[in-house]
Amino acid sequence: METKYLVGILVMIVAIGGATACNFLLPVNEPVAQDKSPASTPAVGNASGGSEEQTQDTTKKTVQAQKVTCTKCGGDGVLTCTSCGGSGGLKGSCPTCGGDGEVYIDGNGNTNPNFVQMVKVLACHTETCPACGGTGGEKKTCTKCGGDGKISCPACGGDGYT
């Protein structure tokens, strides 16, 4: 590694962790020389005399501030289930209405399930499904979300940050 890069790294270590962070560069057998002059000893209550714990706290805060909010879930960590639309349940099993509980009656009096898009244009009115009584048939719990209506965001793993 070139010297200029090593010097740059050393400057960053000193800036972040103070001079005590460079102790790892000294040989193990030699003690660190400490200046005991009154000018180097911070006054009581002086904020510039930060301890090693304060330096670590500052470093932790800096690292946490660098987390980026997930753009896919907006930082929530969850998304609406696409299989059930967030309801937690799948449509019913009634074959007459398609699980919606309503049927369209066209101009000829024919009953059509409401999932047929073309019939919606031609339909005169809707009625409660005569086969299931409007319940849509047996409803099943969504298998993708387990009935919660929400799934963990795959982009951030559910923690809201990338």
C-alpha atoms as a PDB file:
ATOM      1  CA  MET A   1       0.000   0.000   0.000  1.00  0.00           C
ATOM      2  CA  GLU A   2       1.360   3.445  -0.821  1.00  0.00           C
ATOM      3  CA  THR A   3       2.542   5.721   1.957  1.00  0.00           C
ATOM      4  CA  LYS A   4       0.053   8.482   1.152  1.00  0.00           C
ATOM      5  CA  TYR A   5      -2.835   6.058   1.712  1.00  0.00           C
ATOM      6  CA  LEU A   6      -1.413   4.870   5.014  1.00  0.00           C
ATOM      7  CA  VAL A   7      -0.996   8.478   6.165  1.00  0.00           C
ATOM      8  CA  GLY A   8      -4.580   9.196   5.136  1.00  0.00           C
ATOM      9  CA  ILE A   9      -5.857   6.218   7.105  1.00  0.00           C
ATOM     10  CA  LEU A  10      -3.801   7.291  10.125  1.00  0.00           C
ATOM     11  CA  VAL A  11      -5.244  10.821   9.946  1.00  0.00           C
ATOM     12  CA  MET A  12      -8.783   9.374   9.836  1.00  0.00           C
ATOM     13  CA  ILE A  13      -8.081   7.142  12.840  1.00  0.00           C
ATOM     14  CA  VAL A  14      -6.784  10.100  14.838  1.00  0.00           C
ATOM     15  CA  ALA A  15      -9.735  12.266  13.791  1.00  0.00           C
ATOM     16  CA  ILE A  16     -12.284   9.638  14.781  1.00  0.00           C
ATOM     17  CA  GLY A  17     -10.678   7.995  17.792  1.00  0.00           C
ATOM     18  CA  GLY A  18      -8.176  10.527  19.054  1.00  0.00           C
ATOM     19  CA  ALA A  19      -4.471   9.975  19.569  1.00  0.00           C
ATOM     20  CA  THR A  20      -5.088   6.994  21.855  1.00  0.00           C
ATOM     21  CA  ALA A  21      -6.566   5.131  18.889  1.00  0.00           C
ATOM     22  CA  CYS A  22      -3.065   4.975  17.366  1.00  0.00           C
ATOM     23  CA  ASN A  23      -1.596   2.961  20.254  1.00  0.00           C
ATOM     24  CA  PHE A  24      -1.790  -0.154  18.113  1.00  0.00           C
ATOM     25  CA  LEU A  25       1.023   1.283  15.952  1.00  0.00           C
ATOM     26  CA  LEU A  26       3.522   1.304  18.840  1.00  0.00           C
ATOM     27  CA  PRO A  27       5.639  -1.738  19.694  1.00  0.00           C
ATOM     28  CA  VAL A  28       4.134  -3.887  22.436  1.00  0.00           C
ATOM     29  CA  ASN A  29       7.098  -3.581  24.851  1.00  0.00           C
ATOM     30  CA  GLU A  30       7.307   0.221  24.872  1.00  0.00           C
ATOM     31  CA  PRO A  31       4.960   2.162  27.154  1.00  0.00           C
ATOM     32  CA  VAL A  32       3.056   5.085  25.719  1.00  0.00           C
ATOM     33  CA  ALA A  33       4.604   8.401  26.739  1.00  0.00           C
ATOM     34  CA  GLN A  34       1.997  10.623  28.317  1.00  0.00           C
ATOM     35  CA  ASP A  35       2.456  14.345  28.736  1.00  0.00           C
ATOM     36  CA  LYS A  36       1.579  15.287  32.310  1.00  0.00           C
ATOM     37  CA  SER A  37       1.798  19.048  31.861  1.00  0.00           C
ATOM     38  CA  PRO A  38      -1.114  21.089  33.234  1.00  0.00           C
ATOM     39  CA  ALA A  39      -1.861  22.497  29.786  1.00  0.00           C
ATOM     40  CA  SER A  40      -2.736  19.066  28.417  1.00  0.00           C
ATOM     41  CA  THR A  41      -4.985  18.125  31.326  1.00  0.00           C
ATOM     42  CA  PRO A  42      -8.515  19.262  30.556  1.00  0.00           C
ATOM     43  CA  ALA A  43     -10.361  21.318  33.115  1.00  0.00           C
ATOM     44  CA  VAL A  44     -13.279  19.732  34.946  1.00  0.00           C
ATOM     45  CA  GLY A  45     -16.436  20.078  32.894  1.00  0.00           C
ATOM     46  CA  ASN A  46     -14.552  20.847  29.697  1.00  0.00           C
ATOM     47  CA  ALA A  47     -16.185  19.077  26.759  1.00  0.00           C
ATOM     48  CA  SER A  48     -12.872  18.747  24.926  1.00  0.00           C
ATOM     49  CA  GLY A  49     -11.603  16.188  27.433  1.00  0.00           C
ATOM     50  CA  GLY A  50     -13.707  13.351  26.028  1.00  0.00           C
ATOM     51  CA  SER A  51     -13.053   9.893  27.331  1.00  0.00           C
ATOM     52  CA  GLU A  52     -12.618   6.802  25.219  1.00  0.00           C
ATOM     53  CA  GLU A  53     -16.253   5.852  25.923  1.00  0.00           C
ATOM     54  CA  GLN A  54     -17.461   9.185  24.550  1.00  0.00           C
ATOM     55  CA  THR A  55     -15.379   8.631  21.429  1.00  0.00           C
ATOM     56  CA  GLN A  56     -16.913   5.173  20.951  1.00  0.00           C
ATOM     57  CA  ASP A  57     -20.415   6.580  21.452  1.00  0.00           C
ATOM     58  CA  THR A  58     -19.736   9.243  18.837  1.00  0.00           C
ATOM     59  CA  THR A  59     -18.446   6.603  16.443  1.00  0.00           C
ATOM     60  CA  LYS A  60     -21.561   4.456  16.998  1.00  0.00           C
ATOM     61  CA  LYS A  61     -23.833   7.431  16.344  1.00  0.00           C
ATOM     62  CA  THR A  62     -21.942   8.203  13.161  1.00  0.00           C
ATOM     63  CA  VAL A  63     -22.323   4.626  11.919  1.00  0.00           C
ATOM     64  CA  GLN A  64     -26.037   4.581  12.736  1.00  0.00           C
ATOM     65  CA  ALA A  65     -26.553   7.864  10.916  1.00  0.00           C
ATOM     66  CA  GLN A  66     -25.139   6.297   7.765  1.00  0.00           C
ATOM     67  CA  LYS A  67     -27.952   3.731   7.524  1.00  0.00           C
ATOM     68  CA  VAL A  68     -30.188   4.437   4.549  1.00  0.00           C
ATOM     69  CA  THR A  69     -33.949   4.019   4.813  1.00  0.00           C
ATOM     70  CA  CYS A  70     -35.235   1.280   2.527  1.00  0.00           C
ATOM     71  CA  THR A  71     -36.859   2.811  -0.543  1.00  0.00           C
ATOM     72  CA  LYS A  72     -39.060  -0.209  -1.240  1.00  0.00           C
ATOM     73  CA  CYS A  73     -40.909  -0.253   2.114  1.00  0.00           C
ATOM     74  CA  GLY A  74     -40.242   3.328   3.245  1.00  0.00           C
ATOM     75  CA  GLY A  75     -38.504   2.140   6.402  1.00  0.00           C
ATOM     76  CA  ASP A  76     -41.470   0.131   7.700  1.00  0.00           C
ATOM     77  CA  GLY A  77     -39.855  -3.238   7.019  1.00  0.00           C
ATOM     78  CA  VAL A  78     -43.134  -4.687   5.738  1.00  0.00           C
ATOM     79  CA  LEU A  79     -45.099  -4.593   2.501  1.00  0.00           C
ATOM     80  CA  THR A  80     -48.747  -5.267   1.706  1.00  0.00           C
ATOM     81  CA  CYS A  81     -49.227  -8.856   0.611  1.00  0.00           C
ATOM     82  CA  THR A  82     -49.785  -9.017  -3.139  1.00  0.00           C
ATOM     83  CA  SER A  83     -51.591 -12.373  -3.027  1.00  0.00           C
ATOM     84  CA  CYS A  84     -54.486 -11.223  -0.844  1.00  0.00           C
ATOM     85  CA  GLY A  85     -54.201  -7.444  -1.273  1.00  0.00           C
ATOM     86  CA  GLY A  86     -53.636  -6.995   2.458  1.00  0.00           C
ATOM     87  CA  SER A  87     -56.898  -8.614   3.564  1.00  0.00           C
ATOM     88  CA  GLY A  88     -55.229 -11.754   4.912  1.00  0.00           C
ATOM     89  CA  GLY A  89     -57.716 -14.030   3.175  1.00  0.00           C
ATOM     90  CA  LEU A  90     -58.182 -15.369  -0.300  1.00  0.00           C
ATOM     91  CA  LYS A  91     -61.424 -15.096  -2.244  1.00  0.00           C
ATOM     92  CA  GLY A  92     -64.091 -17.620  -1.504  1.00  0.00           C
ATOM     93  CA  SER A  93     -64.578 -20.794  -3.475  1.00  0.00           C
ATOM     94  CA  CYS A  94     -68.114 -20.252  -4.841  1.00  0.00           C
ATOM     95  CA  PRO A  95     -68.053 -21.108  -8.571  1.00  0.00           C
ATOM     96  CA  THR A  96     -71.143 -19.011  -9.361  1.00  0.00           C
ATOM     97  CA  CYS A  97     -69.849 -15.629  -8.153  1.00  0.00           C
ATOM     98  CA  GLY A  98     -66.117 -16.321  -8.128  1.00  0.00           C
ATOM     99  CA  GLY A  99     -65.942 -15.744  -4.372  1.00  0.00           C
ATOM    100  CA  ASP A 100     -67.191 -12.139  -4.366  1.00  0.00           C
ATOM    101  CA  GLY A 101     -70.743 -12.835  -3.204  1.00  0.00           C
ATOM    102  CA  GLU A 102     -72.347 -10.875  -6.052  1.00  0.00           C
ATOM    103  CA  VAL A 103     -73.325 -11.710  -9.605  1.00  0.00           C
ATOM    104  CA  TYR A 104     -74.122  -9.454 -12.542  1.00  0.00           C
ATOM    105  CA  ILE A 105     -77.449  -9.801 -14.275  1.00  0.00           C
ATOM    106  CA  ASP A 106     -77.201  -8.822 -17.927  1.00  0.00           C
ATOM    107  CA  GLY A 107     -79.948  -7.422 -20.144  1.00  0.00           C
ATOM    108  CA  ASN A 108     -81.145 -10.933 -21.017  1.00  0.00           C
ATOM    109  CA  GLY A 109     -81.556 -11.943 -17.358  1.00  0.00           C
ATOM    110  CA  ASN A 110     -78.491 -14.211 -17.391  1.00  0.00           C
ATOM    111  CA  THR A 111     -76.427 -14.519 -14.215  1.00  0.00           C
ATOM    112  CA  ASN A 112     -72.699 -13.891 -14.687  1.00  0.00           C
ATOM    113  CA  PRO A 113     -69.854 -13.947 -12.182  1.00  0.00           C
ATOM    114  CA  ASN A 114     -68.517 -10.480 -11.486  1.00  0.00           C
ATOM    115  CA  PHE A 115     -64.939 -11.337 -12.373  1.00  0.00           C
ATOM    116  CA  VAL A 116     -65.843 -11.332 -16.064  1.00  0.00           C
ATOM    117  CA  GLN A 117     -64.757  -7.831 -17.075  1.00  0.00           C
ATOM    118  CA  MET A 118     -66.829  -7.709 -20.258  1.00  0.00           C
ATOM    119  CA  VAL A 119     -70.026  -8.405 -18.336  1.00  0.00           C
ATOM    120  CA  LYS A 120     -69.412  -5.359 -16.124  1.00  0.00           C
ATOM    121  CA  VAL A 121     -69.882  -3.154 -19.158  1.00  0.00           C
ATOM    122  CA  LEU A 122     -73.049  -4.939 -20.285  1.00  0.00           C
ATOM    123  CA  ALA A 123     -74.543  -5.594 -16.844  1.00  0.00           C
ATOM    124  CA  CYS A 124     -77.783  -3.956 -15.861  1.00  0.00           C
ATOM    125  CA  HIS A 125     -77.470  -4.579 -12.137  1.00  0.00           C
ATOM    126  CA  THR A 126     -75.911  -6.750  -9.445  1.00  0.00           C
ATOM    127  CA  GLU A 127     -77.582  -9.185  -7.089  1.00  0.00           C
ATOM    128  CA  THR A 128     -76.520 -11.306  -4.155  1.00  0.00           C
ATOM    129  CA  CYS A 129     -75.216 -14.623  -5.380  1.00  0.00           C
ATOM    130  CA  PRO A 130     -78.027 -17.199  -5.145  1.00  0.00           C
ATOM    131  CA  ALA A 131     -75.589 -20.113  -4.740  1.00  0.00           C
ATOM    132  CA  CYS A 132     -73.676 -18.902  -1.654  1.00  0.00           C
ATOM    133  CA  GLY A 133     -76.070 -16.281  -0.280  1.00  0.00           C
ATOM    134  CA  GLY A 134     -73.465 -13.508  -0.627  1.00  0.00           C
ATOM    135  CA  THR A 135     -70.779 -15.134   1.492  1.00  0.00           C
ATOM    136  CA  GLY A 136     -68.515 -15.960  -1.454  1.00  0.00           C
ATOM    137  CA  GLY A 137     -68.151 -19.518  -0.291  1.00  0.00           C
ATOM    138  CA  GLU A 138     -65.508 -20.917   2.007  1.00  0.00           C
ATOM    139  CA  LYS A 139     -62.749 -18.348   2.561  1.00  0.00           C
ATOM    140  CA  LYS A 140     -59.174 -19.512   3.023  1.00  0.00           C
ATOM    141  CA  THR A 141     -56.298 -17.886   4.874  1.00  0.00           C
ATOM    142  CA  CYS A 142     -53.661 -16.455   2.560  1.00  0.00           C
ATOM    143  CA  THR A 143     -50.691 -18.808   2.419  1.00  0.00           C
ATOM    144  CA  LYS A 144     -48.156 -16.114   1.480  1.00  0.00           C
ATOM    145  CA  CYS A 145     -48.690 -13.831   4.512  1.00  0.00           C
ATOM    146  CA  GLY A 146     -50.329 -16.312   6.892  1.00  0.00           C
ATOM    147  CA  GLY A 147     -53.415 -14.116   7.251  1.00  0.00           C
ATOM    148  CA  ASP A 148     -51.575 -10.982   8.436  1.00  0.00           C
ATOM    149  CA  GLY A 149     -51.931  -9.091   5.161  1.00  0.00           C
ATOM    150  CA  LYS A 150     -48.282  -8.007   5.426  1.00  0.00           C
ATOM    151  CA  ILE A 151     -45.030  -9.614   4.327  1.00  0.00           C
ATOM    152  CA  SER A 152     -41.449  -8.855   5.318  1.00  0.00           C
ATOM    153  CA  CYS A 153     -39.721  -6.532   2.846  1.00  0.00           C
ATOM    154  CA  PRO A 154     -37.269  -8.594   0.787  1.00  0.00           C
ATOM    155  CA  ALA A 155     -35.092  -5.566  -0.031  1.00  0.00           C
ATOM    156  CA  CYS A 156     -34.137  -4.766   3.585  1.00  0.00           C
ATOM    157  CA  GLY A 157     -34.909  -8.069   5.302  1.00  0.00           C
ATOM    158  CA  GLY A 158     -37.618  -6.449   7.421  1.00  0.00           C
ATOM    159  CA  ASP A 159     -35.469  -3.979   9.383  1.00  0.00           C
ATOM    160  CA  GLY A 160     -36.319  -0.910   7.259  1.00  0.00           C
ATOM    161  CA  TYR A 161     -32.719  -0.016   6.390  1.00  0.00           C
ATOM    162  CA  THR A 162     -30.403  -0.968   3.551  1.00  0.00           C
END
